[in-house]
Protein backbone atom coordinates (compact mmCIF):
# COMPACT_ATOMS: atom_id res chain seq x y z
CA UNK A 1 150.48 9.31 35.31
CA UNK A 2 151.20 13.02 34.90
CA UNK A 3 149.06 16.02 34.03
CA UNK A 4 150.87 19.24 33.08
CA UNK A 5 149.65 22.49 34.63
CA UNK A 6 151.45 25.43 33.06
CA UNK A 7 154.68 23.44 33.07
CA UNK A 8 154.17 21.94 36.53
CA UNK A 9 153.84 18.14 36.43
CA UNK A 10 151.17 16.78 38.78
CA UNK A 11 151.39 13.05 39.56
CA UNK A 12 148.22 10.95 39.86
CA UNK A 13 147.15 7.31 39.83
CA UNK A 14 143.87 5.44 39.39
CA UNK A 15 143.07 2.30 41.37
CA UNK A 16 140.18 0.00 40.49
CA UNK A 17 138.16 -0.19 37.32
CA UNK A 18 134.49 -0.11 38.34
CA UNK A 19 132.80 2.81 36.58
CA UNK A 20 129.20 2.39 37.67
CA UNK A 21 129.78 4.04 41.06
CA UNK A 22 130.93 7.49 42.13
CA UNK A 23 134.75 7.76 41.97
CA UNK A 24 136.74 8.86 45.02
CA UNK A 25 139.55 11.44 44.82
CA UNK A 26 141.88 11.24 47.83
CA UNK A 27 144.20 14.10 48.82
CA UNK A 28 147.04 13.55 51.31
CA UNK A 29 148.18 15.80 54.14
CA UNK A 30 151.06 18.27 54.29
CA UNK A 31 154.46 16.59 54.20
CA UNK A 32 152.93 13.30 53.04
CA UNK A 33 152.17 11.96 49.56
CA UNK A 34 149.67 9.73 47.81
CA UNK A 35 151.66 6.79 49.19
CA UNK A 36 149.90 7.33 52.52
CA UNK A 37 146.76 5.74 51.03
CA UNK A 38 148.54 2.49 50.06
CA UNK A 39 146.99 0.40 52.89
CA UNK A 40 143.49 1.57 51.93
CA UNK A 41 143.22 1.60 48.15
CA UNK A 42 142.65 -2.13 47.68
CA UNK A 43 139.56 -2.11 49.88
CA UNK A 44 138.26 1.26 48.75
CA UNK A 45 138.81 0.49 45.05
CA UNK A 46 137.07 -2.88 45.16
CA UNK A 47 133.80 -1.34 43.96
CA UNK A 48 134.75 2.08 42.54
CA UNK A 49 137.66 3.98 41.04
CA UNK A 50 139.95 5.62 43.58
CA UNK A 51 142.17 8.44 42.36
CA UNK A 52 145.23 9.47 44.36
CA UNK A 53 147.55 12.37 43.58
CA UNK A 54 150.47 14.38 44.95
CA UNK A 55 150.07 18.04 45.88
CA UNK A 56 152.66 20.22 44.12
CA UNK A 57 155.87 20.27 46.15
CA UNK A 58 155.16 16.75 47.44
CA UNK A 59 155.93 13.20 46.39
CA UNK A 60 156.22 12.67 42.66
CA UNK A 61 154.66 15.96 41.63
CA UNK A 62 156.97 18.77 40.55
CA UNK A 63 158.55 21.24 42.98
CA UNK A 64 158.98 24.48 41.03
CA UNK A 65 161.28 27.09 42.60
CA UNK A 66 158.93 30.02 42.01
CA UNK A 67 156.96 30.74 45.21
CA UNK A 68 154.09 32.08 43.09
CA UNK A 69 153.48 28.51 41.87
CA UNK A 70 152.23 27.49 45.33
CA UNK A 71 148.73 28.63 46.26
CA UNK A 72 145.54 26.99 47.43
CA UNK A 73 143.85 28.20 44.26
CA UNK A 74 146.45 26.45 42.08
CA UNK A 75 146.04 23.29 44.16
CA UNK A 76 142.28 23.38 43.59
CA UNK A 77 143.00 23.74 39.88
CA UNK A 78 145.34 20.76 40.09
CA UNK A 79 142.51 18.68 41.57
CA UNK A 80 140.18 19.70 38.76
CA UNK A 81 142.86 18.88 36.17
CA UNK A 82 143.39 15.42 37.67
CA UNK A 83 139.65 14.73 37.52
CA UNK A 84 139.60 15.96 33.92
CA UNK A 85 142.53 13.70 33.03
CA UNK A 86 140.57 10.76 34.46
CA UNK A 87 137.43 11.70 32.54
CA UNK A 88 135.55 12.28 35.80
CA UNK A 89 132.95 15.05 35.87
CA UNK A 90 131.85 14.49 39.48
CA UNK A 91 133.50 12.64 42.36
CA UNK A 92 133.50 12.11 46.09
CA UNK A 93 136.38 14.09 47.58
CA UNK A 94 138.31 12.76 50.55
CA UNK A 95 141.35 14.14 52.29
CA UNK A 96 143.39 14.05 55.46
CA UNK A 97 144.46 17.23 57.26
CA UNK A 98 145.54 19.71 54.53
CA UNK A 99 143.91 17.33 52.04
CA UNK A 100 140.58 17.62 53.82
CA UNK A 101 140.82 21.41 53.85
CA UNK A 102 141.55 21.38 50.11
CA UNK A 103 138.52 19.13 49.57
CA UNK A 104 136.35 21.74 51.29
CA UNK A 105 138.03 24.54 49.33
CA UNK A 106 137.41 22.64 46.09
CA UNK A 107 133.75 22.26 47.02
CA UNK A 108 133.54 26.01 47.68
CA UNK A 109 134.71 26.68 44.11
CA UNK A 110 133.33 23.68 42.22
CA UNK A 111 130.33 22.37 44.13
CA UNK A 112 128.84 20.95 40.93
CA UNK A 113 131.76 18.51 40.66
CA UNK A 114 131.45 17.14 44.22
CA UNK A 115 129.17 14.20 44.99
CA UNK A 116 130.26 13.75 48.62
CA UNK A 117 132.94 14.76 51.12
CA UNK A 118 135.10 12.56 53.37
CA UNK A 119 136.91 14.88 55.80
CA UNK A 120 139.60 13.11 57.82
CA UNK A 121 141.41 14.65 60.82
CA UNK A 122 141.09 18.10 59.35
CA UNK A 123 139.61 21.52 59.99
CA UNK A 124 137.81 24.19 57.96
CA UNK A 125 140.11 27.06 58.85
CA UNK A 126 139.70 29.78 61.46
CA UNK A 127 137.16 32.50 62.08
CA UNK A 128 139.33 34.37 64.57
CA UNK A 129 142.41 36.23 63.34
CA UNK A 130 144.43 35.21 66.41
CA UNK A 131 143.86 31.50 65.79
CA UNK A 132 144.74 31.90 62.12
CA UNK A 133 147.90 33.76 63.06
CA UNK A 134 148.97 30.88 65.32
CA UNK A 135 148.32 28.37 62.52
CA UNK A 136 150.30 30.44 60.04
CA UNK A 137 153.19 30.71 62.49
CA UNK A 138 153.21 26.91 62.64
CA UNK A 139 153.21 26.71 58.81
CA UNK A 140 156.10 29.17 58.49
CA UNK A 141 158.02 27.27 61.19
CA UNK A 142 157.63 24.10 59.10
CA UNK A 143 158.94 25.96 56.05
CA UNK A 144 161.93 27.31 57.96
CA UNK A 145 162.73 23.85 59.31
CA UNK A 146 162.88 22.42 55.77
CA UNK A 147 164.98 25.36 54.60
CA UNK A 148 167.36 24.84 57.49
CA UNK A 149 167.47 21.04 57.84
CA UNK A 150 166.33 19.65 54.50
CA UNK A 151 164.36 16.41 54.60
CA UNK A 152 165.63 15.77 58.12
CA UNK A 153 162.79 18.10 59.14
CA UNK A 154 160.13 15.57 58.10
CA UNK A 155 157.95 14.78 61.09
CA UNK A 156 157.45 11.42 62.83
CA UNK A 157 153.85 10.81 61.69
CA UNK A 158 153.27 7.47 59.94
CA UNK A 159 151.82 9.26 56.92
CA UNK A 160 154.89 11.45 56.46
CA UNK A 161 157.66 9.02 55.56
CA UNK A 162 156.77 7.84 52.05
CA UNK A 163 158.31 10.08 49.39
CA UNK A 164 160.14 10.96 47.33
CA UNK A 165 160.10 14.52 48.58
CA UNK A 166 161.95 17.74 47.82
CA UNK A 167 162.75 19.93 50.83
CA UNK A 168 162.51 23.15 48.81
CA UNK A 169 159.12 22.14 47.47
CA UNK A 170 157.85 21.29 50.95
CA UNK A 171 159.03 24.64 52.30
CA UNK A 172 157.35 26.55 49.47
CA UNK A 173 154.16 24.50 49.87
CA UNK A 174 154.05 25.42 53.56
CA UNK A 175 154.41 29.11 52.76
CA UNK A 176 151.96 29.12 49.86
CA UNK A 177 149.42 26.31 50.42
CA UNK A 178 149.43 25.46 54.12
CA UNK A 179 149.04 29.06 55.29
CA UNK A 180 145.52 30.51 55.48
CA UNK A 181 144.35 34.03 54.74
CA UNK A 182 140.65 34.21 55.66
CA UNK A 183 137.60 32.30 56.88
CA UNK A 184 136.16 31.81 53.39
CA UNK A 185 136.13 28.00 53.50
CA UNK A 186 134.78 27.85 57.06
CA UNK A 187 131.91 30.13 56.10
CA UNK A 188 130.75 27.73 53.37
CA UNK A 189 130.00 24.87 55.80
CA UNK A 190 126.28 25.61 56.25
CA UNK A 191 125.90 25.67 52.45
CA UNK A 192 127.36 22.21 51.85
CA UNK A 193 124.55 20.19 50.26
CA UNK A 194 126.30 16.89 49.60
CA UNK A 195 126.60 13.87 51.93
CA UNK A 196 129.55 14.43 54.26
CA UNK A 197 131.49 12.05 56.48
CA UNK A 198 133.72 13.54 59.17
CA UNK A 199 136.32 11.04 60.43
CA UNK A 200 138.71 11.71 63.31
CA UNK A 201 141.05 9.60 65.39
CA UNK A 202 140.17 9.28 69.06
CA UNK A 203 143.63 10.55 70.10
CA UNK A 204 143.95 13.37 67.54
CA UNK A 205 143.29 16.04 70.15
CA UNK A 206 144.04 19.09 67.97
CA UNK A 207 141.32 18.06 65.50
CA UNK A 208 138.58 16.65 67.76
CA UNK A 209 137.05 20.10 68.24
CA UNK A 210 137.31 20.83 64.52
CA UNK A 211 135.52 17.55 63.77
CA UNK A 212 132.70 18.49 66.14
CA UNK A 213 132.48 21.95 64.56
CA UNK A 214 132.22 20.63 61.01
CA UNK A 215 129.75 17.89 61.92
CA UNK A 216 127.52 20.46 63.63
CA UNK A 217 127.57 22.99 60.80
CA UNK A 218 127.46 20.85 57.68
CA UNK A 219 123.82 19.87 57.17
CA UNK A 220 123.28 16.14 57.68
CA UNK A 221 126.96 15.36 58.25
CA UNK A 222 127.92 12.06 59.86
CA UNK A 223 130.82 11.93 62.34
CA UNK A 224 132.87 8.84 63.12
CA UNK A 225 135.47 8.79 65.90
CA UNK A 226 137.88 5.89 65.32
CA UNK A 227 139.01 4.30 68.61
CA UNK A 228 142.74 3.99 69.13
CA UNK A 229 143.65 6.19 66.15
CA UNK A 230 145.68 9.38 66.06
CA UNK A 231 146.10 11.94 63.28
CA UNK A 232 146.84 9.36 60.57
CA UNK A 233 143.52 7.62 61.10
CA UNK A 234 143.71 5.65 57.84
CA UNK A 235 147.07 4.16 58.85
CA UNK A 236 146.52 3.75 62.57
CA UNK A 237 143.28 1.79 62.10
CA UNK A 238 143.01 0.94 58.40
CA UNK A 239 140.27 -1.69 58.70
CA UNK A 240 138.02 0.55 60.79
CA UNK A 241 138.74 3.50 58.50
CA UNK A 242 138.04 1.54 55.32
CA UNK A 243 134.83 0.11 56.75
CA UNK A 244 133.50 3.53 57.74
CA UNK A 245 134.37 5.10 54.39
CA UNK A 246 133.01 2.22 52.32
CA UNK A 247 129.74 2.15 54.27
CA UNK A 248 129.36 5.88 53.75
CA UNK A 249 130.22 5.80 50.03
CA UNK A 250 127.88 2.87 49.43
CA UNK A 251 125.07 5.14 50.60
CA UNK A 252 126.18 7.82 48.13
CA UNK A 253 126.28 5.64 45.03
């Protein structure tokens, strides 16, 4: 399915038909697509609707050539538009890496539409300018790699491969969505008032500290470390991931 956002087509799909429970909106990581959730949707959608979508510049969503069409704010609007297209007023929001950050950013802007958060191998941003500068240098390096090498610059992570992708769109998404400008999202953590599950792979060293930080600052948050998993926790250990998420969501409704 497609929802149009000022001429930009955003791809989304709904899995499952149960309407009596809180739906789950899943957002993929940078360089991936909604296809990364394929091993999980059957289990997760057994008792509730699961909505997956592609961030602009990724997968089957459009890749406009105007850099101004790529911002975190537009991505948050895309999420709201997908929920509207599904007739969903309030949902649990889950995401991996960039997707988890966008889930937190969505909550910061639309808390009334969020029933719960599932934050997977992600972080809330950076308080220190130096750390944010290092992250942004990484994002720009990813953009330059796609501009230089095309899709050959896709990384080796198991969540990255499924496409289709557009190298120009991925480069623009890195420059406009992956980069961070302030600590606004991080500063909202103590004000999160919905049930929150923080999931991280045992071997995802860059995000273990971030998981601890979020779990400590989000009131009542639950943290699950999945043994044997890396950054793509849902793919590395799908059964363990699905079990943790389903148990958590069953407590939400």
